[in-house]
Amino acid sequence: MSNNSQNPKVTIIGAVLSLISALGVALFTNWDKIFPQQNSSEINVSENISPKPQQDTVEVEFVVYTQENYEPLESVKVRFISDGPPSTKYTDRNGYVNITIPIRTDVEVILSKDGFKPAREILNLTTDPDRTVPLFLDKLNNSSNPTPSPSILSSPETSTVGVAIVFDPPSNVRKTPNGDILCSVRERTKINIYSSHGNWQKTDICGSIGFIHSSQITFQSN
């Protein structure tokens, strides 16, 4: 009788143990689904990725002319030197060329074309940056604008031909027509003009005699 009374208990205990075992197996098998864990490599990747800062840029536009007759020049090789490696472009049939560069105060421009003297300009970009900058090339063996003699360059000036206004600065004043830069006029300024040499006007705005291109000035009427 004792054996018969114990059989139900044994059966119940066995059933409970079987249920616990089944629950343990199910929990172990589906552990990742029940308690998902974030991949550490995904955490590191997301933490290490950061957007690159965008650098502000400015578009600079140029038109290249012949200094003799102010005609636009096509296929002029234009090298721009600013931050980073130099950039080279060529003017179109209207003499136009542009470049987009990081914002800065100035840019160096080197011009070259067969049959013309190479030219180099350092342009200030802080004064009226939205305007199109005129640049000029002089033909080789050009007899229409001979280099002034030392006496013309150094002779004192006693009377003016007129007074002109530099209307679209910055404008370069050169030691000789199409020569090295003597100074740059960076504001609208009245200047004395002493004589004319082709398309160049003789002035003393730099404190010594120099030449400014006629396209950069307008004569003041009396």
C-alpha atoms as a PDB file:
ATOM      1  CA  MET A   1       0.000   0.000   0.000  1.00  0.00           C
ATOM      2  CA  SER A   2       2.897   2.309   0.768  1.00  0.00           C
ATOM      3  CA  ASN A   3       4.282   1.738  -2.731  1.00  0.00           C
ATOM      4  CA  ASN A   4       0.964   2.622  -4.304  1.00  0.00           C
ATOM      5  CA  SER A   5       0.746   5.850  -2.222  1.00  0.00           C
ATOM      6  CA  GLN A   6       4.179   6.989  -3.336  1.00  0.00           C
ATOM      7  CA  ASN A   7       3.704   6.499  -7.066  1.00  0.00           C
ATOM      8  CA  PRO A   8       1.680   9.704  -7.653  1.00  0.00           C
ATOM      9  CA  LYS A   9       4.278  11.771  -5.803  1.00  0.00           C
ATOM     10  CA  VAL A  10       7.080  10.296  -7.817  1.00  0.00           C
ATOM     11  CA  THR A  11       5.163  10.974 -10.987  1.00  0.00           C
ATOM     12  CA  ILE A  12       4.522  14.608 -10.020  1.00  0.00           C
ATOM     13  CA  ILE A  13       8.139  15.203  -9.044  1.00  0.00           C
ATOM     14  CA  GLY A  14       9.324  13.686 -12.293  1.00  0.00           C
ATOM     15  CA  ALA A  15       6.969  15.878 -14.266  1.00  0.00           C
ATOM     16  CA  VAL A  16       8.158  19.007 -12.459  1.00  0.00           C
ATOM     17  CA  LEU A  17      11.798  18.113 -13.078  1.00  0.00           C
ATOM     18  CA  SER A  18      11.072  17.500 -16.741  1.00  0.00           C
ATOM     19  CA  LEU A  19       9.337  20.895 -17.018  1.00  0.00           C
ATOM     20  CA  ILE A  20      12.234  22.689 -15.336  1.00  0.00           C
ATOM     21  CA  SER A  21      14.684  20.940 -17.629  1.00  0.00           C
ATOM     22  CA  ALA A  22      12.653  21.899 -20.705  1.00  0.00           C
ATOM     23  CA  LEU A  23      12.464  25.536 -19.561  1.00  0.00           C
ATOM     24  CA  GLY A  24      16.215  25.622 -18.970  1.00  0.00           C
ATOM     25  CA  VAL A  25      16.969  24.273 -22.430  1.00  0.00           C
ATOM     26  CA  ALA A  26      14.585  26.791 -24.041  1.00  0.00           C
ATOM     27  CA  LEU A  27      16.063  29.673 -22.053  1.00  0.00           C
ATOM     28  CA  PHE A  28      19.614  28.680 -22.946  1.00  0.00           C
ATOM     29  CA  THR A  29      18.761  28.224 -26.637  1.00  0.00           C
ATOM     30  CA  ASN A  30      16.978  31.586 -26.970  1.00  0.00           C
ATOM     31  CA  TRP A  31      19.151  33.627 -24.620  1.00  0.00           C
ATOM     32  CA  ASP A  32      20.344  36.045 -27.362  1.00  0.00           C
ATOM     33  CA  LYS A  33      16.785  36.652 -28.496  1.00  0.00           C
ATOM     34  CA  ILE A  34      15.510  37.274 -24.977  1.00  0.00           C
ATOM     35  CA  PHE A  35      18.478  39.434 -23.880  1.00  0.00           C
ATOM     36  CA  PRO A  36      20.008  41.003 -27.076  1.00  0.00           C
ATOM     37  CA  GLN A  37      23.467  42.580 -26.717  1.00  0.00           C
ATOM     38  CA  GLN A  38      24.846  45.446 -28.820  1.00  0.00           C
ATOM     39  CA  ASN A  39      27.884  44.603 -30.919  1.00  0.00           C
ATOM     40  CA  SER A  40      30.951  46.299 -29.445  1.00  0.00           C
ATOM     41  CA  SER A  41      32.452  46.773 -32.925  1.00  0.00           C
ATOM     42  CA  GLU A  42      29.316  48.666 -33.988  1.00  0.00           C
ATOM     43  CA  ILE A  43      29.687  50.905 -30.936  1.00  0.00           C
ATOM     44  CA  ASN A  44      33.312  51.679 -31.789  1.00  0.00           C
ATOM     45  CA  VAL A  45      32.521  52.394 -35.442  1.00  0.00           C
ATOM     46  CA  SER A  46      29.677  54.743 -34.614  1.00  0.00           C
ATOM     47  CA  GLU A  47      31.776  56.559 -32.038  1.00  0.00           C
ATOM     48  CA  ASN A  48      34.750  56.944 -34.372  1.00  0.00           C
ATOM     49  CA  ILE A  49      32.793  58.291 -37.353  1.00  0.00           C
ATOM     50  CA  SER A  50      32.525  62.076 -37.246  1.00  0.00           C
ATOM     51  CA  PRO A  51      31.506  64.406 -40.089  1.00  0.00           C
ATOM     52  CA  LYS A  52      34.304  66.305 -41.791  1.00  0.00           C
ATOM     53  CA  PRO A  53      34.064  70.041 -41.300  1.00  0.00           C
ATOM     54  CA  GLN A  54      33.068  71.869 -44.460  1.00  0.00           C
ATOM     55  CA  GLN A  55      35.500  74.551 -45.603  1.00  0.00           C
ATOM     56  CA  ASP A  56      34.063  77.816 -46.870  1.00  0.00           C
ATOM     57  CA  THR A  57      35.035  78.645 -50.451  1.00  0.00           C
ATOM     58  CA  VAL A  58      34.869  81.635 -52.747  1.00  0.00           C
ATOM     59  CA  GLU A  59      34.586  81.819 -56.547  1.00  0.00           C
ATOM     60  CA  VAL A  60      37.029  84.236 -58.168  1.00  0.00           C
ATOM     61  CA  GLU A  61      36.435  85.369 -61.769  1.00  0.00           C
ATOM     62  CA  PHE A  62      38.970  86.853 -64.192  1.00  0.00           C
ATOM     63  CA  VAL A  63      39.033  88.234 -67.718  1.00  0.00           C
ATOM     64  CA  VAL A  64      42.383  88.434 -69.529  1.00  0.00           C
ATOM     65  CA  TYR A  65      42.923  91.221 -72.080  1.00  0.00           C
ATOM     66  CA  THR A  66      45.682  92.403 -74.373  1.00  0.00           C
ATOM     67  CA  GLN A  67      47.135  95.528 -72.823  1.00  0.00           C
ATOM     68  CA  GLU A  68      47.449  97.239 -76.251  1.00  0.00           C
ATOM     69  CA  ASN A  69      43.806  97.301 -77.341  1.00  0.00           C
ATOM     70  CA  TYR A  70      41.864  95.784 -74.431  1.00  0.00           C
ATOM     71  CA  GLU A  71      40.766  92.781 -76.490  1.00  0.00           C
ATOM     72  CA  PRO A  72      39.914  89.549 -74.591  1.00  0.00           C
ATOM     73  CA  LEU A  73      42.483  86.770 -74.966  1.00  0.00           C
ATOM     74  CA  GLU A  74      41.508  83.146 -75.562  1.00  0.00           C
ATOM     75  CA  SER A  75      43.515  80.073 -74.442  1.00  0.00           C
ATOM     76  CA  VAL A  76      45.643  81.897 -71.910  1.00  0.00           C
ATOM     77  CA  LYS A  77      47.155  79.443 -69.430  1.00  0.00           C
ATOM     78  CA  VAL A  78      46.226  80.650 -65.950  1.00  0.00           C
ATOM     79  CA  ARG A  79      47.856  79.106 -62.875  1.00  0.00           C
ATOM     80  CA  PHE A  80      46.266  79.830 -59.517  1.00  0.00           C
ATOM     81  CA  ILE A  81      48.447  79.435 -56.443  1.00  0.00           C
ATOM     82  CA  SER A  82      46.683  79.436 -53.078  1.00  0.00           C
ATOM     83  CA  ASP A  83      46.322  76.802 -50.348  1.00  0.00           C
ATOM     84  CA  GLY A  84      47.148  73.351 -51.676  1.00  0.00           C
ATOM     85  CA  PRO A  85      48.610  72.424 -55.066  1.00  0.00           C
ATOM     86  CA  PRO A  86      48.446  74.953 -57.932  1.00  0.00           C
ATOM     87  CA  SER A  87      45.388  74.806 -60.192  1.00  0.00           C
ATOM     88  CA  THR A  88      45.676  75.413 -63.953  1.00  0.00           C
ATOM     89  CA  LYS A  89      42.889  76.569 -66.257  1.00  0.00           C
ATOM     90  CA  TYR A  90      42.563  78.230 -69.679  1.00  0.00           C
ATOM     91  CA  THR A  91      40.531  81.257 -70.685  1.00  0.00           C
ATOM     92  CA  ASP A  92      37.579  80.870 -73.043  1.00  0.00           C
ATOM     93  CA  ARG A  93      37.058  82.927 -76.209  1.00  0.00           C
ATOM     94  CA  ASN A  94      35.833  85.834 -74.091  1.00  0.00           C
ATOM     95  CA  GLY A  95      39.029  85.780 -72.057  1.00  0.00           C
ATOM     96  CA  TYR A  96      37.065  84.502 -69.068  1.00  0.00           C
ATOM     97  CA  VAL A  97      38.236  82.023 -66.440  1.00  0.00           C
ATOM     98  CA  ASN A  98      37.189  81.310 -62.877  1.00  0.00           C
ATOM     99  CA  ILE A  99      38.262  79.211 -59.915  1.00  0.00           C
ATOM    100  CA  THR A 100      36.746  78.182 -56.594  1.00  0.00           C
ATOM    101  CA  ILE A 101      39.239  78.279 -53.726  1.00  0.00           C
ATOM    102  CA  PRO A 102      39.103  78.271 -49.925  1.00  0.00           C
ATOM    103  CA  ILE A 103      38.356  81.731 -48.555  1.00  0.00           C
ATOM    104  CA  ARG A 104      41.593  83.675 -48.091  1.00  0.00           C
ATOM    105  CA  THR A 105      42.886  87.220 -48.365  1.00  0.00           C
ATOM    106  CA  ASP A 106      44.826  86.899 -51.624  1.00  0.00           C
ATOM    107  CA  VAL A 107      45.671  84.608 -54.522  1.00  0.00           C
ATOM    108  CA  GLU A 108      48.682  84.484 -56.847  1.00  0.00           C
ATOM    109  CA  VAL A 109      47.898  84.281 -60.578  1.00  0.00           C
ATOM    110  CA  ILE A 110      50.452  83.438 -63.274  1.00  0.00           C
ATOM    111  CA  LEU A 111      49.514  84.062 -66.921  1.00  0.00           C
ATOM    112  CA  SER A 112      51.245  82.671 -69.998  1.00  0.00           C
ATOM    113  CA  LYS A 113      50.472  82.445 -73.730  1.00  0.00           C
ATOM    114  CA  ASP A 114      52.587  82.021 -76.855  1.00  0.00           C
ATOM    115  CA  GLY A 115      53.534  85.375 -78.327  1.00  0.00           C
ATOM    116  CA  PHE A 116      52.966  87.237 -75.055  1.00  0.00           C
ATOM    117  CA  LYS A 117      55.115  88.133 -72.106  1.00  0.00           C
ATOM    118  CA  PRO A 118      54.263  86.062 -69.026  1.00  0.00           C
ATOM    119  CA  ALA A 119      52.701  87.980 -66.168  1.00  0.00           C
ATOM    120  CA  ARG A 120      52.313  87.414 -62.457  1.00  0.00           C
ATOM    121  CA  GLU A 121      49.743  89.047 -60.189  1.00  0.00           C
ATOM    122  CA  ILE A 122      49.011  88.829 -56.474  1.00  0.00           C
ATOM    123  CA  LEU A 123      45.389  89.827 -56.037  1.00  0.00           C
ATOM    124  CA  ASN A 124      43.708  90.950 -52.847  1.00  0.00           C
ATOM    125  CA  LEU A 125      40.364  89.163 -52.475  1.00  0.00           C
ATOM    126  CA  THR A 126      39.048  91.114 -49.494  1.00  0.00           C
ATOM    127  CA  THR A 127      38.198  94.254 -51.510  1.00  0.00           C
ATOM    128  CA  ASP A 128      34.987  93.824 -53.500  1.00  0.00           C
ATOM    129  CA  PRO A 129      35.376  90.011 -53.811  1.00  0.00           C
ATOM    130  CA  ASP A 130      32.342  89.623 -56.106  1.00  0.00           C
ATOM    131  CA  ARG A 131      33.737  91.625 -59.011  1.00  0.00           C
ATOM    132  CA  THR A 132      35.397  90.166 -62.116  1.00  0.00           C
ATOM    133  CA  VAL A 133      39.114  90.962 -62.029  1.00  0.00           C
ATOM    134  CA  PRO A 134      40.732  92.262 -65.253  1.00  0.00           C
ATOM    135  CA  LEU A 135      44.225  90.980 -66.093  1.00  0.00           C
ATOM    136  CA  PHE A 136      46.521  92.026 -68.940  1.00  0.00           C
ATOM    137  CA  LEU A 137      49.172  90.488 -71.182  1.00  0.00           C
ATOM    138  CA  ASP A 138      51.666  92.353 -73.342  1.00  0.00           C
ATOM    139  CA  LYS A 139      52.767  91.053 -76.739  1.00  0.00           C
ATOM    140  CA  LEU A 140      56.402  90.094 -77.249  1.00  0.00           C
ATOM    141  CA  ASN A 141      58.534  92.569 -79.243  1.00  0.00           C
ATOM    142  CA  ASN A 142      55.793  95.138 -78.905  1.00  0.00           C
ATOM    143  CA  SER A 143      57.039  98.453 -80.287  1.00  0.00           C
ATOM    144  CA  SER A 144      53.855 100.352 -79.541  1.00  0.00           C
ATOM    145  CA  ASN A 145      54.712 100.567 -75.836  1.00  0.00           C
ATOM    146  CA  PRO A 146      58.518 100.682 -75.579  1.00  0.00           C
ATOM    147  CA  THR A 147      60.018 100.565 -72.111  1.00  0.00           C
ATOM    148  CA  PRO A 148      60.441 104.145 -70.928  1.00  0.00           C
ATOM    149  CA  SER A 149      63.994 105.362 -70.673  1.00  0.00           C
ATOM    150  CA  PRO A 150      65.485 105.931 -67.207  1.00  0.00           C
ATOM    151  CA  SER A 151      65.195 109.677 -67.703  1.00  0.00           C
ATOM    152  CA  ILE A 152      61.420 109.386 -68.225  1.00  0.00           C
ATOM    153  CA  LEU A 153      61.039 107.178 -65.165  1.00  0.00           C
ATOM    154  CA  SER A 154      63.139 109.232 -62.800  1.00  0.00           C
ATOM    155  CA  SER A 155      62.587 112.784 -64.007  1.00  0.00           C
ATOM    156  CA  PRO A 156      60.719 115.002 -61.516  1.00  0.00           C
ATOM    157  CA  GLU A 157      57.180 115.977 -62.451  1.00  0.00           C
ATOM    158  CA  THR A 158      56.255 119.651 -62.164  1.00  0.00           C
ATOM    159  CA  SER A 159      52.813 119.731 -63.776  1.00  0.00           C
ATOM    160  CA  THR A 160      49.935 117.337 -64.132  1.00  0.00           C
ATOM    161  CA  VAL A 161      48.025 116.393 -67.262  1.00  0.00           C
ATOM    162  CA  GLY A 162      44.931 115.766 -65.188  1.00  0.00           C
ATOM    163  CA  VAL A 163      43.409 114.150 -62.139  1.00  0.00           C
ATOM    164  CA  ALA A 164      41.948 110.644 -62.398  1.00  0.00           C
ATOM    165  CA  ILE A 165      39.964 108.389 -60.091  1.00  0.00           C
ATOM    166  CA  VAL A 166      40.897 104.761 -59.485  1.00  0.00           C
ATOM    167  CA  PHE A 167      37.289 103.598 -59.707  1.00  0.00           C
ATOM    168  CA  ASP A 168      37.528  99.826 -59.288  1.00  0.00           C
ATOM    169  CA  PRO A 169      40.253  98.917 -56.791  1.00  0.00           C
ATOM    170  CA  PRO A 170      42.446  97.057 -56.130  1.00  0.00           C
ATOM    171  CA  SER A 171      44.535  98.335 -59.057  1.00  0.00           C
ATOM    172  CA  ASN A 172      48.242  97.742 -59.531  1.00  0.00           C
ATOM    173  CA  VAL A 173      50.724 100.517 -60.242  1.00  0.00           C
ATOM    174  CA  ARG A 174      53.836  99.234 -62.005  1.00  0.00           C
ATOM    175  CA  LYS A 175      57.421 100.378 -62.253  1.00  0.00           C
ATOM    176  CA  THR A 176      57.180 100.304 -66.061  1.00  0.00           C
ATOM    177  CA  PRO A 177      54.243  99.578 -68.396  1.00  0.00           C
ATOM    178  CA  ASN A 178      53.379  95.925 -67.748  1.00  0.00           C
ATOM    179  CA  GLY A 179      56.438  95.675 -65.497  1.00  0.00           C
ATOM    180  CA  ASP A 180      56.876  94.735 -61.861  1.00  0.00           C
ATOM    181  CA  ILE A 181      54.287  95.939 -59.376  1.00  0.00           C
ATOM    182  CA  LEU A 182      55.288  99.090 -57.493  1.00  0.00           C
ATOM    183  CA  CYS A 183      52.219  99.256 -55.232  1.00  0.00           C
ATOM    184  CA  SER A 184      48.506  98.540 -55.236  1.00  0.00           C
ATOM    185  CA  VAL A 185      45.749 101.115 -54.840  1.00  0.00           C
ATOM    186  CA  ARG A 186      43.163  99.416 -52.642  1.00  0.00           C
ATOM    187  CA  GLU A 187      40.549 102.163 -52.284  1.00  0.00           C
ATOM    188  CA  ARG A 188      38.765 104.586 -54.618  1.00  0.00           C
ATOM    189  CA  THR A 189      41.370 107.322 -54.828  1.00  0.00           C
ATOM    190  CA  LYS A 190      42.145 110.468 -56.800  1.00  0.00           C
ATOM    191  CA  ILE A 191      45.566 110.351 -58.421  1.00  0.00           C
ATOM    192  CA  ASN A 192      47.667 112.792 -60.441  1.00  0.00           C
ATOM    193  CA  ILE A 193      48.393 111.847 -64.060  1.00  0.00           C
ATOM    194  CA  TYR A 194      51.521 113.353 -65.588  1.00  0.00           C
ATOM    195  CA  SER A 195      51.736 111.776 -69.034  1.00  0.00           C
ATOM    196  CA  SER A 196      50.369 109.010 -71.219  1.00  0.00           C
ATOM    197  CA  HIS A 197      52.384 106.093 -72.654  1.00  0.00           C
ATOM    198  CA  GLY A 198      50.102 104.059 -74.893  1.00  0.00           C
ATOM    199  CA  ASN A 199      47.486 102.549 -72.585  1.00  0.00           C
ATOM    200  CA  TRP A 200      49.486 103.401 -69.475  1.00  0.00           C
ATOM    201  CA  GLN A 201      49.303 106.571 -67.409  1.00  0.00           C
ATOM    202  CA  LYS A 202      52.198 107.981 -65.441  1.00  0.00           C
ATOM    203  CA  THR A 203      51.426 108.722 -61.782  1.00  0.00           C
ATOM    204  CA  ASP A 204      53.123 109.256 -58.423  1.00  0.00           C
ATOM    205  CA  ILE A 205      50.452 107.665 -56.221  1.00  0.00           C
ATOM    206  CA  CYS A 206      53.003 105.185 -54.809  1.00  0.00           C
ATOM    207  CA  GLY A 207      55.361 107.948 -53.649  1.00  0.00           C
ATOM    208  CA  SER A 208      57.551 107.466 -56.715  1.00  0.00           C
ATOM    209  CA  ILE A 209      56.873 107.395 -60.443  1.00  0.00           C
ATOM    210  CA  GLY A 210      54.867 104.445 -61.681  1.00  0.00           C
ATOM    211  CA  PHE A 211      52.357 103.472 -64.367  1.00  0.00           C
ATOM    212  CA  ILE A 212      48.706 102.480 -64.064  1.00  0.00           C
ATOM    213  CA  HIS A 213      46.653 100.983 -66.891  1.00  0.00           C
ATOM    214  CA  SER A 214      44.052 103.283 -68.454  1.00  0.00           C
ATOM    215  CA  SER A 215      41.291 100.709 -67.860  1.00  0.00           C
ATOM    216  CA  GLN A 216      41.679 101.170 -64.121  1.00  0.00           C
ATOM    217  CA  ILE A 217      41.017 104.922 -64.020  1.00  0.00           C
ATOM    218  CA  THR A 218      38.590 107.537 -65.203  1.00  0.00           C
ATOM    219  CA  PHE A 219      39.611 111.150 -65.678  1.00  0.00           C
ATOM    220  CA  GLN A 220      37.835 113.657 -63.508  1.00  0.00           C
ATOM    221  CA  SER A 221      36.077 116.384 -65.430  1.00  0.00           C
ATOM    222  CA  ASN A 222      36.775 119.977 -64.496  1.00  0.00           C
END
